[in-house]
Amino acid sequence: MQRQTLVDALKCIGSQLIVLHHFSAYSPLSEALHRLAPALAGWLYDYARMAVQIFLVLGGYLAMQALVPAMRRDAAMLGRALLLRYLRLALPLLAALALAVLAALLARQVLAADFIPAAPGWGQALAHALLLQDVVDAEALSAGVWYVAIDLQLYALLALLLWLGQRGGRPAPALWLTAGLMLLSLLVFNRDARWDDWGLYFFGSYALGALAGWAARSSQALRWLTLLAALGLLALGLDWRVRIALALGVALLLGLAAVSRRELPLPARLQSKVQALGRTSYALFLVHFAVLLLVNALHALLAPQSSGLAVLLLGLGWAGSVALAFVFERRIEAPLNLRLRSWRPV
């Protein structure tokens, strides 16, 4: 699929906010940030985490573009699509978790803190490899790994709905199945925190993106987007949630931008930077916790009472995370994806 500047810009904004949220939420360094800039740190802690809604909507939007052609075939095509999605998510994750485990080992030598994961056991490592760590209540080895598992669940749910609905050769049943489960998620599962280890809790936001992606391909795009807005407003009218309002806004923005066929009016140099940051957003999500562990260990070694040094190290940690993400994407994630594109399971 051709890269879309708006999609890359949203990935860039979302990934940076999530990293900054984690930097404001974990470690002694975050405590220094809250002392020196309480309003900023409080906003990052309370609201920046909602950027996950951007990725939920983007995930559904991009999954719809990728899955619609595949789901018109047979069950083997469905299985291959799910296996490839698992490998694209899990293989880079495992490499990043190796970095996080090593960073935690080093950090434990100089700092005793609850946010530093203990050395993993075999069962815990297997749970992460299978993306089941939250389901089996295994301690997370890195910040935010729950999202990777949820992404796979959501992709599988959408793929199954599209496959079931399009088996007769018409797309309408698949779309109504998706819209129905979206409403069920928004009105039932998303209002009950006991479901937040499962994709059904998040499917409402994911399906908003998926249906916006379908609208972008439809000859009746504005009707679909109007229906999508009405369903989203219905859910918000019954139970106002800022995170769902954000998801609805992002979905409609993506749909309208695709229908109008307009890209962000950015200068060429800035556009290339936005695309690069968007391309490395998953890598940044994966590697930043290892960097956070290391800068906290460095602070404990140098001057654990210095708030000024703590904030400086947070800035260096953020910049180091972005730099490491570029290396990780180029050396690990991109080569893996290249091999997976040409891989054909027996």
Protein backbone atom coordinates (compact mmCIF):
# COMPACT_ATOMS: atom_id res chain seq x y z
CA MET A 1 0.00 0.00 0.00
CA GLN A 2 1.19 3.52 -0.80
CA ARG A 3 2.27 5.50 2.24
CA GLN A 4 -0.20 8.14 3.39
CA THR A 5 1.24 11.23 5.03
CA LEU A 6 -1.75 11.66 7.33
CA VAL A 7 -1.37 8.08 8.57
CA ASP A 8 2.35 8.64 9.19
CA ALA A 9 1.64 11.93 10.99
CA LEU A 10 -0.87 10.24 13.28
CA LYS A 11 1.59 7.41 13.98
CA CYS A 12 4.28 9.96 14.76
CA ILE A 13 2.07 11.94 17.16
CA GLY A 14 0.66 8.84 18.82
CA SER A 15 4.00 7.10 19.36
CA GLN A 16 5.65 10.21 20.81
CA LEU A 17 2.77 10.77 23.23
CA ILE A 18 2.85 7.17 24.42
CA VAL A 19 6.61 7.34 25.02
CA LEU A 20 6.23 10.61 26.92
CA HIS A 21 3.41 9.10 28.96
CA HIS A 22 5.63 6.18 29.99
CA PHE A 23 8.48 8.56 30.79
CA SER A 24 6.10 10.48 33.08
CA ALA A 25 4.65 7.36 34.69
CA TYR A 26 7.58 5.10 35.55
CA SER A 27 10.79 5.46 37.53
CA PRO A 28 12.44 7.96 39.89
CA LEU A 29 13.07 10.23 36.91
CA SER A 30 9.34 10.71 36.47
CA GLU A 31 9.07 11.83 40.09
CA ALA A 32 11.57 14.60 39.38
CA LEU A 33 9.55 15.67 36.35
CA HIS A 34 6.38 15.87 38.47
CA ARG A 35 8.20 18.04 41.01
CA LEU A 36 9.66 20.48 38.46
CA ALA A 37 6.76 20.64 35.98
CA PRO A 38 3.65 19.27 37.72
CA ALA A 39 1.13 20.56 35.18
CA LEU A 40 3.00 19.11 32.18
CA ALA A 41 3.79 15.86 33.94
CA GLY A 42 0.20 15.52 35.12
CA TRP A 43 -1.15 16.06 31.60
CA LEU A 44 1.25 13.51 30.13
CA TYR A 45 0.31 11.00 32.81
CA ASP A 46 -3.47 11.50 32.58
CA TYR A 47 -4.05 12.21 28.89
CA ALA A 48 -1.09 11.22 26.70
CA ARG A 49 -1.95 7.55 27.21
CA MET A 50 -5.16 8.14 25.27
CA ALA A 51 -2.98 8.25 22.17
CA VAL A 52 -3.44 4.48 22.13
CA GLN A 53 -6.83 5.24 20.58
CA ILE A 54 -5.01 6.66 17.56
CA PHE A 55 -3.29 3.33 17.03
CA LEU A 56 -6.47 1.34 17.58
CA VAL A 57 -8.23 3.33 14.86
CA LEU A 58 -5.22 3.24 12.54
CA GLY A 59 -4.92 -0.51 13.12
CA GLY A 60 -8.49 -1.10 11.97
CA TYR A 61 -8.15 1.34 9.07
CA LEU A 62 -5.02 -0.33 7.68
CA ALA A 63 -6.25 -3.85 8.46
CA MET A 64 -9.37 -3.29 6.37
CA GLN A 65 -7.24 -2.23 3.40
CA ALA A 66 -5.07 -5.33 3.77
CA LEU A 67 -7.75 -7.90 4.58
CA VAL A 68 -10.55 -7.20 2.11
CA PRO A 69 -8.76 -8.77 -0.90
CA ALA A 70 -7.53 -11.75 1.11
CA MET A 71 -10.85 -12.56 2.73
CA ARG A 72 -12.57 -13.15 -0.62
CA ARG A 73 -10.70 -16.44 -0.94
CA ASP A 74 -10.63 -19.58 1.21
CA ALA A 75 -9.98 -20.52 4.81
CA ALA A 76 -6.31 -21.19 4.08
CA MET A 77 -5.95 -17.54 3.07
CA LEU A 78 -7.49 -16.51 6.39
CA GLY A 79 -5.04 -18.68 8.32
CA ARG A 80 -2.07 -17.33 6.38
CA ALA A 81 -3.14 -13.73 6.99
CA LEU A 82 -3.38 -14.34 10.74
CA LEU A 83 -0.05 -16.18 10.91
CA LEU A 84 1.72 -13.38 9.03
CA ARG A 85 0.20 -10.79 11.32
CA TYR A 86 1.40 -12.70 14.36
CA LEU A 87 4.93 -12.97 12.96
CA ARG A 88 5.07 -9.28 12.01
CA LEU A 89 4.10 -8.34 15.55
CA ALA A 90 5.87 -11.01 17.59
CA LEU A 91 9.30 -11.30 15.97
CA PRO A 92 10.29 -7.63 16.46
CA LEU A 93 8.69 -7.75 19.91
CA LEU A 94 10.88 -10.67 20.96
CA ALA A 95 14.00 -8.84 19.82
CA ALA A 96 12.95 -5.73 21.77
CA LEU A 97 12.13 -7.82 24.85
CA ALA A 98 15.66 -9.22 24.76
CA LEU A 99 16.91 -5.62 24.95
CA ALA A 100 14.51 -4.85 27.80
CA VAL A 101 15.59 -7.93 29.78
CA LEU A 102 19.24 -6.97 29.37
CA ALA A 103 18.54 -3.35 30.36
CA ALA A 104 16.58 -4.54 33.41
CA LEU A 105 19.48 -6.76 34.42
CA LEU A 106 21.83 -3.77 34.33
CA ALA A 107 19.37 -1.44 36.08
CA ARG A 108 18.82 -3.89 38.95
CA GLN A 109 22.52 -3.69 39.79
CA VAL A 110 22.26 -0.04 40.86
CA LEU A 111 18.57 0.65 41.47
CA ALA A 112 15.83 -1.09 43.44
CA ALA A 113 12.48 0.00 42.00
CA ASP A 114 9.12 -1.66 41.39
CA PHE A 115 9.00 -0.66 37.73
CA ILE A 116 12.10 -2.75 36.88
CA PRO A 117 10.97 -6.23 35.79
CA ALA A 118 12.47 -9.24 37.53
CA ALA A 119 14.45 -11.80 35.54
CA PRO A 120 11.88 -13.77 33.49
CA GLY A 121 11.13 -17.44 33.96
CA TRP A 122 10.52 -19.82 31.06
CA GLY A 123 6.75 -19.72 31.49
CA GLN A 124 6.73 -15.94 31.51
CA ALA A 125 8.91 -15.82 28.39
CA LEU A 126 6.64 -18.30 26.60
CA ALA A 127 3.55 -16.27 27.53
CA HIS A 128 5.14 -13.19 25.93
CA ALA A 129 6.15 -15.14 22.83
CA LEU A 130 2.54 -16.30 22.39
CA LEU A 131 1.17 -12.83 23.24
CA LEU A 132 -0.78 -14.26 26.18
CA GLN A 133 0.97 -12.55 29.10
CA ASP A 134 -2.09 -10.61 30.30
CA VAL A 135 -4.46 -13.52 29.79
CA VAL A 136 -2.36 -15.76 32.08
CA ASP A 137 -1.45 -12.88 34.46
CA ALA A 138 2.28 -13.00 33.73
CA GLU A 139 4.28 -9.94 34.75
CA ALA A 140 5.02 -7.73 31.73
CA LEU A 141 8.67 -7.50 30.67
CA SER A 142 8.24 -4.07 29.08
CA ALA A 143 5.81 -1.17 29.13
CA GLY A 144 2.88 -1.40 26.76
CA VAL A 145 3.37 -4.97 25.54
CA TRP A 146 -0.31 -5.57 26.31
CA TYR A 147 -1.16 -3.57 23.19
CA VAL A 148 0.67 -5.96 20.86
CA ALA A 149 -1.41 -8.88 22.14
CA ILE A 150 -4.62 -6.86 21.81
CA ASP A 151 -3.69 -5.84 18.25
CA LEU A 152 -3.44 -9.49 17.24
CA GLN A 153 -6.79 -10.30 18.84
CA LEU A 154 -8.43 -7.38 17.05
CA TYR A 155 -6.91 -8.30 13.69
CA ALA A 156 -8.16 -11.88 14.12
CA LEU A 157 -11.66 -10.69 15.05
CA LEU A 158 -11.89 -8.41 12.04
CA ALA A 159 -10.48 -11.05 9.69
CA LEU A 160 -13.01 -13.61 10.93
CA LEU A 161 -15.94 -11.19 10.51
CA LEU A 162 -14.86 -10.27 6.97
CA TRP A 163 -14.34 -13.90 6.02
CA LEU A 164 -17.71 -15.01 7.39
CA GLY A 165 -19.55 -12.07 5.85
CA GLN A 166 -17.97 -12.20 2.39
CA ARG A 167 -18.26 -15.92 1.79
CA GLY A 168 -21.33 -15.25 -0.32
CA GLY A 169 -19.42 -12.83 -2.54
CA ARG A 170 -21.10 -9.67 -1.22
CA PRO A 171 -19.40 -7.26 1.21
CA ALA A 172 -22.54 -5.94 2.96
CA PRO A 173 -22.95 -8.83 5.45
CA ALA A 174 -19.32 -8.48 6.54
CA LEU A 175 -19.73 -4.75 7.10
CA TRP A 176 -22.91 -5.18 9.13
CA LEU A 177 -21.26 -7.90 11.21
CA THR A 178 -18.37 -5.51 11.89
CA ALA A 179 -20.70 -2.62 12.72
CA GLY A 180 -22.78 -4.84 15.01
CA LEU A 181 -19.79 -6.05 17.01
CA MET A 182 -18.51 -2.47 17.12
CA LEU A 183 -21.73 -1.32 18.78
CA LEU A 184 -21.68 -4.27 21.16
CA SER A 185 -18.14 -3.33 22.16
CA LEU A 186 -18.92 0.37 22.59
CA LEU A 187 -22.13 -0.19 24.53
CA VAL A 188 -21.22 -3.24 26.63
CA PHE A 189 -17.61 -4.48 26.71
CA ASN A 190 -15.86 -1.09 26.67
CA ARG A 191 -17.89 0.01 29.68
CA ASP A 192 -16.69 -2.90 31.81
CA ALA A 193 -12.99 -2.82 32.80
CA ARG A 194 -13.04 -6.56 33.50
CA TRP A 195 -12.80 -7.08 29.74
CA ASP A 196 -9.68 -4.97 29.19
CA ASP A 197 -7.40 -8.00 28.68
CA TRP A 198 -9.45 -8.96 25.62
CA GLY A 199 -9.89 -7.49 22.17
CA LEU A 200 -13.66 -7.13 22.59
CA TYR A 201 -13.04 -4.24 25.01
CA PHE A 202 -11.19 -2.30 22.29
CA PHE A 203 -13.03 -3.51 19.19
CA GLY A 204 -15.27 -0.43 19.09
CA SER A 205 -12.33 1.90 18.37
CA TYR A 206 -10.70 -0.63 16.02
CA ALA A 207 -13.92 -1.08 14.04
CA LEU A 208 -14.38 2.69 13.74
CA GLY A 209 -11.09 2.71 11.85
CA ALA A 210 -11.98 -0.39 9.84
CA LEU A 211 -15.31 1.04 8.69
CA ALA A 212 -13.66 4.36 7.85
CA GLY A 213 -11.22 2.35 5.75
CA TRP A 214 -14.11 0.66 3.99
CA ALA A 215 -15.82 4.01 3.38
CA ALA A 216 -12.65 5.24 1.71
CA ARG A 217 -13.06 2.46 -0.89
CA SER A 218 -16.83 2.79 -1.34
CA SER A 219 -18.79 4.67 -3.98
CA GLN A 220 -21.12 5.76 -1.15
CA ALA A 221 -18.36 6.94 1.14
CA LEU A 222 -20.20 9.93 2.64
CA ARG A 223 -23.21 7.78 3.56
CA TRP A 224 -20.96 5.29 5.32
CA LEU A 225 -19.12 8.04 7.18
CA THR A 226 -22.41 9.65 8.22
CA LEU A 227 -23.64 6.30 9.55
CA LEU A 228 -20.32 5.82 11.33
CA ALA A 229 -20.63 9.26 12.95
CA ALA A 230 -24.21 8.53 14.02
CA LEU A 231 -23.26 5.20 15.62
CA GLY A 232 -20.32 6.79 17.41
CA LEU A 233 -22.44 9.67 18.70
CA LEU A 234 -25.08 7.20 19.87
CA ALA A 235 -22.48 5.39 21.97
CA LEU A 236 -21.15 8.68 23.36
CA GLY A 237 -24.65 9.92 24.12
CA LEU A 238 -25.35 6.85 26.23
CA ASP A 239 -21.97 6.98 27.99
CA TRP A 240 -19.54 9.85 27.31
CA ARG A 241 -15.90 8.66 27.13
CA VAL A 242 -13.13 10.98 25.99
CA ARG A 243 -11.17 8.06 24.58
CA ILE A 244 -14.09 7.03 22.35
CA ALA A 245 -14.65 10.63 21.24
CA LEU A 246 -10.98 10.75 20.22
CA ALA A 247 -11.30 7.46 18.34
CA LEU A 248 -14.40 8.68 16.48
CA GLY A 249 -12.67 11.94 15.55
CA VAL A 250 -9.59 10.13 14.20
CA ALA A 251 -11.73 7.67 12.22
CA LEU A 252 -13.76 10.44 10.58
CA LEU A 253 -10.59 12.43 9.84
CA LEU A 254 -9.05 9.41 8.08
CA GLY A 255 -12.24 8.70 6.15
CA LEU A 256 -12.79 12.28 4.99
CA ALA A 257 -9.14 12.69 4.03
CA ALA A 258 -9.29 9.50 1.95
CA VAL A 259 -12.54 10.50 0.25
CA SER A 260 -11.23 13.95 -0.63
CA ARG A 261 -7.94 12.38 -1.81
CA ARG A 262 -6.01 15.13 -0.09
CA GLU A 263 -2.72 14.72 1.70
CA LEU A 264 -1.31 16.94 4.41
CA PRO A 265 0.13 20.09 2.77
CA LEU A 266 3.65 19.62 4.11
CA PRO A 267 6.92 20.78 2.53
CA ALA A 268 8.81 17.89 0.95
CA ARG A 269 11.58 17.90 3.56
CA LEU A 270 9.12 17.86 6.47
CA GLN A 271 7.01 15.21 4.77
CA SER A 272 10.00 12.90 4.49
CA LYS A 273 10.72 13.34 8.21
CA VAL A 274 7.11 12.64 9.15
CA GLN A 275 7.15 9.51 7.00
CA ALA A 276 10.38 8.35 8.63
CA LEU A 277 8.98 8.87 12.13
CA GLY A 278 5.75 7.13 11.16
CA ARG A 279 7.66 4.19 9.72
CA THR A 280 9.61 3.78 12.97
CA SER A 281 6.61 4.21 15.31
CA TYR A 282 6.32 0.50 16.14
CA ALA A 283 10.06 0.26 16.72
CA LEU A 284 9.90 3.28 19.05
CA PHE A 285 7.04 1.69 20.96
CA LEU A 286 9.11 -1.49 21.38
CA VAL A 287 12.52 -0.10 22.38
CA HIS A 288 11.85 2.97 24.51
CA PHE A 289 11.37 1.08 27.79
CA ALA A 290 14.89 -0.38 27.60
CA VAL A 291 16.26 3.14 27.20
CA LEU A 292 14.14 4.36 30.13
CA LEU A 293 15.60 1.64 32.33
CA LEU A 294 19.16 2.59 31.37
CA VAL A 295 18.80 6.35 31.95
CA ASN A 296 17.29 5.64 35.37
CA ALA A 297 20.26 3.44 36.21
CA LEU A 298 22.60 6.19 35.03
CA HIS A 299 20.83 8.73 37.23
CA ALA A 300 21.14 6.42 40.24
CA LEU A 301 24.87 6.11 39.58
CA LEU A 302 25.62 9.79 39.01
CA ALA A 303 23.39 11.93 41.22
CA PRO A 304 20.19 10.34 42.51
CA GLN A 305 19.16 13.52 44.38
CA SER A 306 19.52 15.89 41.42
CA SER A 307 16.18 16.83 39.87
CA GLY A 308 17.88 18.91 37.19
CA LEU A 309 19.98 15.96 36.05
CA ALA A 310 16.88 13.76 36.13
CA VAL A 311 15.01 15.99 33.68
CA LEU A 312 18.11 16.24 31.47
CA LEU A 313 18.37 12.45 31.40
CA LEU A 314 14.68 12.17 30.55
CA GLY A 315 15.30 14.39 27.53
CA LEU A 316 18.35 12.36 26.55
CA GLY A 317 16.35 9.18 27.05
CA TRP A 318 13.60 10.41 24.75
CA ALA A 319 16.13 11.40 22.05
CA GLY A 320 17.99 8.12 22.53
CA SER A 321 14.75 6.17 22.14
CA VAL A 322 14.00 7.88 18.83
CA ALA A 323 17.54 7.21 17.58
CA LEU A 324 17.45 3.56 18.67
CA ALA A 325 14.06 3.15 16.97
CA PHE A 326 15.59 4.15 13.63
CA VAL A 327 18.36 1.58 14.07
CA PHE A 328 15.93 -1.12 15.23
CA GLU A 329 13.55 -0.51 12.32
CA ARG A 330 16.32 -0.56 9.73
CA ARG A 331 18.32 -3.49 11.10
CA ILE A 332 15.63 -5.74 12.57
CA GLU A 333 12.02 -4.83 11.77
CA ALA A 334 12.38 -3.95 8.07
CA PRO A 335 14.51 -7.03 7.15
CA LEU A 336 12.02 -9.29 8.97
CA ASN A 337 9.07 -7.75 7.13
CA LEU A 338 10.90 -8.08 3.82
CA ARG A 339 11.39 -11.80 4.37
CA LEU A 340 7.79 -12.26 5.50
CA ARG A 341 6.44 -10.63 2.33
CA SER A 342 8.02 -13.35 0.22
CA TRP A 343 7.42 -16.20 2.67
CA ARG A 344 4.98 -18.91 1.67
CA PRO A 345 4.05 -21.39 4.41
CA VAL A 346 3.85 -25.00 3.30
